[in-house]
Amino acid sequence: MDALFSLLNVELSLGDCFKLDIPQLTLQQKGIYVFVGPNGAGKSTLLRLLALLSKPTRGEIWFRGENLHSSSNYQLSVLRLQLTMVEQSPYLFRGSVYYNLAYGLQIRGIYGAEQEQRIVSALKTFGLSGFERRNAQGLSGGETQRVALARALVLEPEVLILDEPTANIDQKSLAEIEAGISALSQQGVTVIMTTHDSDQPRRLGGTIISIIEGRLAAYRPHTLTQQK
């Protein structure tokens, strides 16, 4: 199977206090990858590199066989369309939940029946059926996170990159988000995420990638991932 991401001798320095140092890392297409480690370990920094939102100080990152270091700005902009990242504390636009999900589709010229179908499907994936007319500013923290995930999903990315998607949320939202992530993986979407929940990779059947002080400490797939 062709690699989705390949990192070789990647370093990213953030001031004088921290350096991400990844000699080699390969992520295959499909499945769930879960970065774990203490605060400040470099998990979010690595996510931003994979989301093409940051560039390494040195080293090479390949995405679907494309060397990002030698890619033009236009090529990078095209590749970014295949990736969607949801931050730990996402911001929702003022207005309805439907408007939040429709916004990105409208930018891509997607209207009418296809727009509505995508929105209804994405909301259902994260347990939000019937939320279309709800005011996005009046949602709970867990509902806000789920809407942000659905907003990312309507764009139909090949790779969904999530920074602590289940931090500080209620149990209902936790269950809905984990169910949604599992369903996406089974549909062929690659999910790359961080978590502080030590039991979450087991529940999701994801591959654990431990990061400590900017370096890979362990790389261990769970049985569920290997069975897919």
Protein backbone atom coordinates (compact mmCIF):
# COMPACT_ATOMS: atom_id res chain seq x y z
CA MET A 1 0.00 0.00 0.00
CA ASP A 2 1.30 3.47 -0.91
CA ALA A 3 2.10 5.72 2.02
CA LEU A 4 -0.19 8.63 2.75
CA PHE A 5 2.46 10.62 4.65
CA SER A 6 6.19 10.01 4.81
CA LEU A 7 8.40 12.14 7.06
CA LEU A 8 12.17 11.95 6.82
CA ASN A 9 14.56 13.80 9.16
CA VAL A 10 11.88 16.39 9.92
CA GLU A 11 12.74 19.08 12.44
CA LEU A 12 10.81 22.15 13.51
CA SER A 13 12.29 24.56 16.04
CA LEU A 14 10.00 26.81 18.06
CA GLY A 15 12.24 29.38 19.72
CA ASP A 16 15.08 28.20 21.92
CA CYS A 17 13.00 25.90 24.12
CA PHE A 18 11.46 23.27 21.86
CA LYS A 19 12.35 21.26 18.77
CA LEU A 20 10.24 18.64 17.07
CA ASP A 21 12.59 15.94 15.78
CA ILE A 22 11.09 13.11 13.68
CA PRO A 23 13.78 11.00 11.95
CA GLN A 24 11.20 8.85 10.16
CA LEU A 25 7.44 8.36 10.25
CA THR A 26 5.12 6.71 7.74
CA LEU A 27 1.32 6.86 7.87
CA GLN A 28 -0.66 4.64 5.54
CA GLN A 29 -3.96 5.49 3.89
CA LYS A 30 -7.15 4.79 5.86
CA GLY A 31 -7.32 3.91 9.52
CA ILE A 32 -6.97 5.98 12.67
CA TYR A 33 -3.70 7.36 14.04
CA VAL A 34 -3.69 8.70 17.60
CA PHE A 35 -0.85 10.88 18.90
CA VAL A 36 -0.47 10.64 22.67
CA GLY A 37 1.92 12.29 25.09
CA PRO A 38 2.15 14.95 27.81
CA ASN A 39 1.37 18.62 27.31
CA GLY A 40 4.09 20.34 25.32
CA ALA A 41 5.33 17.09 23.78
CA GLY A 42 4.79 18.31 20.22
CA LYS A 43 1.57 16.55 19.30
CA SER A 44 -0.23 19.64 18.00
CA THR A 45 2.92 20.89 16.30
CA LEU A 46 3.14 17.64 14.34
CA LEU A 47 -0.55 17.86 13.45
CA ARG A 48 -0.04 21.31 11.94
CA LEU A 49 2.84 20.00 9.83
CA LEU A 50 0.64 17.19 8.52
CA ALA A 51 -2.19 19.66 7.84
CA LEU A 52 0.24 21.71 5.71
CA LEU A 53 -0.29 24.69 7.99
CA SER A 54 3.37 24.83 9.07
CA LYS A 55 6.66 24.06 7.34
CA PRO A 56 9.54 22.15 8.91
CA THR A 57 12.85 23.85 9.64
CA ARG A 58 14.53 20.98 7.81
CA GLY A 59 13.70 17.56 6.41
CA GLU A 60 11.15 16.26 3.94
CA ILE A 61 7.43 15.60 4.14
CA TRP A 62 5.79 13.59 1.38
CA PHE A 63 2.02 13.45 0.92
CA ARG A 64 0.58 10.90 -1.52
CA GLY A 65 3.95 10.71 -3.24
CA GLU A 66 4.31 14.49 -3.55
CA ASN A 67 7.40 16.10 -2.01
CA LEU A 68 5.94 19.11 -0.21
CA HIS A 69 9.34 20.79 0.04
CA SER A 70 9.55 21.10 -3.74
CA SER A 71 5.85 21.78 -4.35
CA SER A 72 4.71 25.15 -5.63
CA ASN A 73 2.24 27.28 -3.68
CA TYR A 74 -0.42 26.27 -6.19
CA GLN A 75 0.32 22.57 -5.72
CA LEU A 76 0.16 22.99 -1.95
CA SER A 77 -3.19 24.77 -2.19
CA VAL A 78 -4.56 21.85 -4.23
CA LEU A 79 -3.23 19.29 -1.74
CA ARG A 80 -4.76 21.22 1.17
CA LEU A 81 -8.19 20.59 -0.31
CA GLN A 82 -7.70 16.92 0.57
CA LEU A 83 -7.03 17.74 4.24
CA THR A 84 -9.24 19.30 6.89
CA MET A 85 -8.14 20.14 10.42
CA VAL A 86 -10.37 20.84 13.42
CA GLU A 87 -8.70 22.70 16.28
CA GLN A 88 -9.21 21.84 19.94
CA SER A 89 -11.40 24.91 20.56
CA PRO A 90 -13.19 25.46 17.23
CA TYR A 91 -14.95 28.70 16.36
CA LEU A 92 -18.45 28.59 14.93
CA PHE A 93 -19.84 31.39 12.78
CA ARG A 94 -22.83 33.38 13.97
CA GLY A 95 -26.07 32.03 12.60
CA SER A 96 -27.54 28.60 12.26
CA VAL A 97 -25.83 25.23 12.31
CA TYR A 98 -26.88 24.81 8.67
CA TYR A 99 -25.13 28.07 7.74
CA ASN A 100 -21.94 26.91 9.43
CA LEU A 101 -21.88 23.71 7.38
CA ALA A 102 -22.98 25.39 4.15
CA TYR A 103 -20.31 28.09 4.22
CA GLY A 104 -17.37 25.98 3.05
CA LEU A 105 -19.51 24.23 0.45
CA GLN A 106 -20.63 27.55 -1.03
CA ILE A 107 -17.00 28.64 -1.38
CA ARG A 108 -16.44 25.45 -3.41
CA GLY A 109 -19.50 26.13 -5.55
CA ILE A 110 -21.65 23.38 -4.05
CA TYR A 111 -25.33 24.34 -3.71
CA GLY A 112 -28.78 22.84 -3.93
CA ALA A 113 -29.54 19.19 -3.39
CA GLU A 114 -25.90 18.12 -3.09
CA GLN A 115 -25.25 20.74 -0.42
CA GLU A 116 -28.28 19.67 1.59
CA GLN A 117 -27.45 15.97 1.26
CA ARG A 118 -23.90 16.51 2.50
CA ILE A 119 -25.07 18.58 5.46
CA VAL A 120 -27.78 16.14 6.53
CA SER A 121 -25.35 13.22 6.25
CA ALA A 122 -22.54 14.96 8.18
CA LEU A 123 -24.87 15.98 11.01
CA LYS A 124 -26.19 12.42 11.25
CA THR A 125 -22.65 11.04 11.47
CA PHE A 126 -22.07 13.00 14.67
CA GLY A 127 -25.51 12.55 16.21
CA LEU A 128 -26.85 15.99 15.26
CA SER A 129 -29.84 15.17 13.07
CA GLY A 130 -32.41 17.96 13.35
CA PHE A 131 -29.88 20.60 14.44
CA GLU A 132 -29.96 22.48 11.12
CA ARG A 133 -31.95 25.46 12.44
CA ARG A 134 -30.30 25.62 15.85
CA ASN A 135 -28.38 28.80 16.72
CA ALA A 136 -24.71 27.88 16.65
CA GLN A 137 -23.93 30.35 19.43
CA GLY A 138 -26.34 28.65 21.83
CA LEU A 139 -24.84 25.16 21.71
CA SER A 140 -23.10 23.33 24.53
CA GLY A 141 -19.37 22.68 24.35
CA GLY A 142 -19.88 19.11 23.19
CA GLU A 143 -22.44 20.14 20.58
CA THR A 144 -20.11 22.87 19.32
CA GLN A 145 -17.32 20.34 18.85
CA ARG A 146 -19.63 17.97 17.00
CA VAL A 147 -20.84 20.76 14.68
CA ALA A 148 -17.21 21.68 13.96
CA LEU A 149 -16.50 18.06 13.05
CA ALA A 150 -19.58 17.89 10.83
CA ARG A 151 -18.53 21.18 9.19
CA ALA A 152 -15.18 19.58 8.34
CA LEU A 153 -16.81 16.38 7.13
CA VAL A 154 -19.11 18.06 4.56
CA LEU A 155 -15.98 19.01 2.60
CA GLU A 156 -15.35 15.27 2.10
CA PRO A 157 -11.65 15.35 2.97
CA GLU A 158 -9.44 12.34 2.42
CA VAL A 159 -7.71 13.12 5.70
CA LEU A 160 -9.40 14.48 8.83
CA ILE A 161 -6.92 15.96 11.33
CA LEU A 162 -8.29 16.50 14.85
CA ASP A 163 -6.60 18.21 17.78
CA GLU A 164 -8.07 16.85 21.03
CA PRO A 165 -11.60 16.42 19.61
CA THR A 166 -12.99 15.01 22.86
CA ALA A 167 -11.33 17.25 25.45
CA ASN A 168 -13.66 18.65 28.14
CA ILE A 169 -16.96 17.47 26.66
CA ASP A 170 -19.96 15.57 28.02
CA GLN A 171 -20.28 11.78 27.80
CA LYS A 172 -23.01 11.90 25.14
CA SER A 173 -20.83 14.00 22.84
CA LEU A 174 -17.84 11.77 23.58
CA ALA A 175 -19.79 8.70 22.49
CA GLU A 176 -21.17 10.42 19.37
CA ILE A 177 -17.74 11.70 18.31
CA GLU A 178 -16.05 8.34 18.79
CA ALA A 179 -18.84 6.61 16.86
CA GLY A 180 -18.48 9.16 14.06
CA ILE A 181 -14.69 8.77 13.88
CA SER A 182 -15.01 4.98 13.73
CA ALA A 183 -17.61 5.22 10.96
CA LEU A 184 -15.41 7.56 8.90
CA SER A 185 -12.46 5.22 9.18
CA GLN A 186 -14.59 2.34 7.92
CA GLN A 187 -15.62 4.53 4.97
CA GLY A 188 -11.98 5.07 3.99
CA VAL A 189 -11.26 8.45 5.57
CA THR A 190 -7.89 8.63 7.30
CA VAL A 191 -8.21 10.16 10.78
CA ILE A 192 -5.14 11.62 12.50
CA MET A 193 -5.78 12.96 16.00
CA THR A 194 -4.40 13.76 19.41
CA THR A 195 -5.85 12.77 22.77
CA HIS A 196 -5.17 12.81 26.50
CA ASP A 197 -7.61 9.92 27.02
CA SER A 198 -5.31 6.93 27.45
CA ASP A 199 -8.12 4.46 26.75
CA GLN A 200 -9.45 6.18 23.64
CA PRO A 201 -7.07 4.55 21.11
CA ARG A 202 -8.28 1.14 22.27
CA ARG A 203 -11.93 2.14 21.91
CA LEU A 204 -11.29 3.50 18.42
CA GLY A 205 -8.98 0.69 17.34
CA GLY A 206 -6.38 3.25 16.37
CA THR A 207 -2.62 3.14 16.00
CA ILE A 208 -0.90 4.79 18.97
CA ILE A 209 2.02 7.11 18.24
CA SER A 210 3.62 8.34 21.47
CA ILE A 211 5.52 11.63 21.44
CA ILE A 212 7.68 12.86 24.32
CA GLU A 213 9.74 16.05 24.22
CA GLY A 214 9.39 16.34 20.47
CA ARG A 215 10.50 12.79 19.66
CA LEU A 216 8.70 9.58 18.80
CA ALA A 217 8.66 7.31 21.83
CA ALA A 218 6.46 4.44 20.59
CA TYR A 219 4.50 3.39 17.54
CA ARG A 220 1.97 0.66 18.31
CA PRO A 221 -1.10 -0.42 16.31
CA HIS A 222 -4.08 -1.85 18.16
CA THR A 223 -5.57 -5.16 17.10
CA LEU A 224 -8.75 -3.54 15.77
CA THR A 225 -6.74 -1.46 13.29
CA GLN A 226 -4.90 -4.50 12.00
CA GLN A 227 -8.16 -6.33 11.40
CA LYS A 228 -9.46 -3.69 8.99
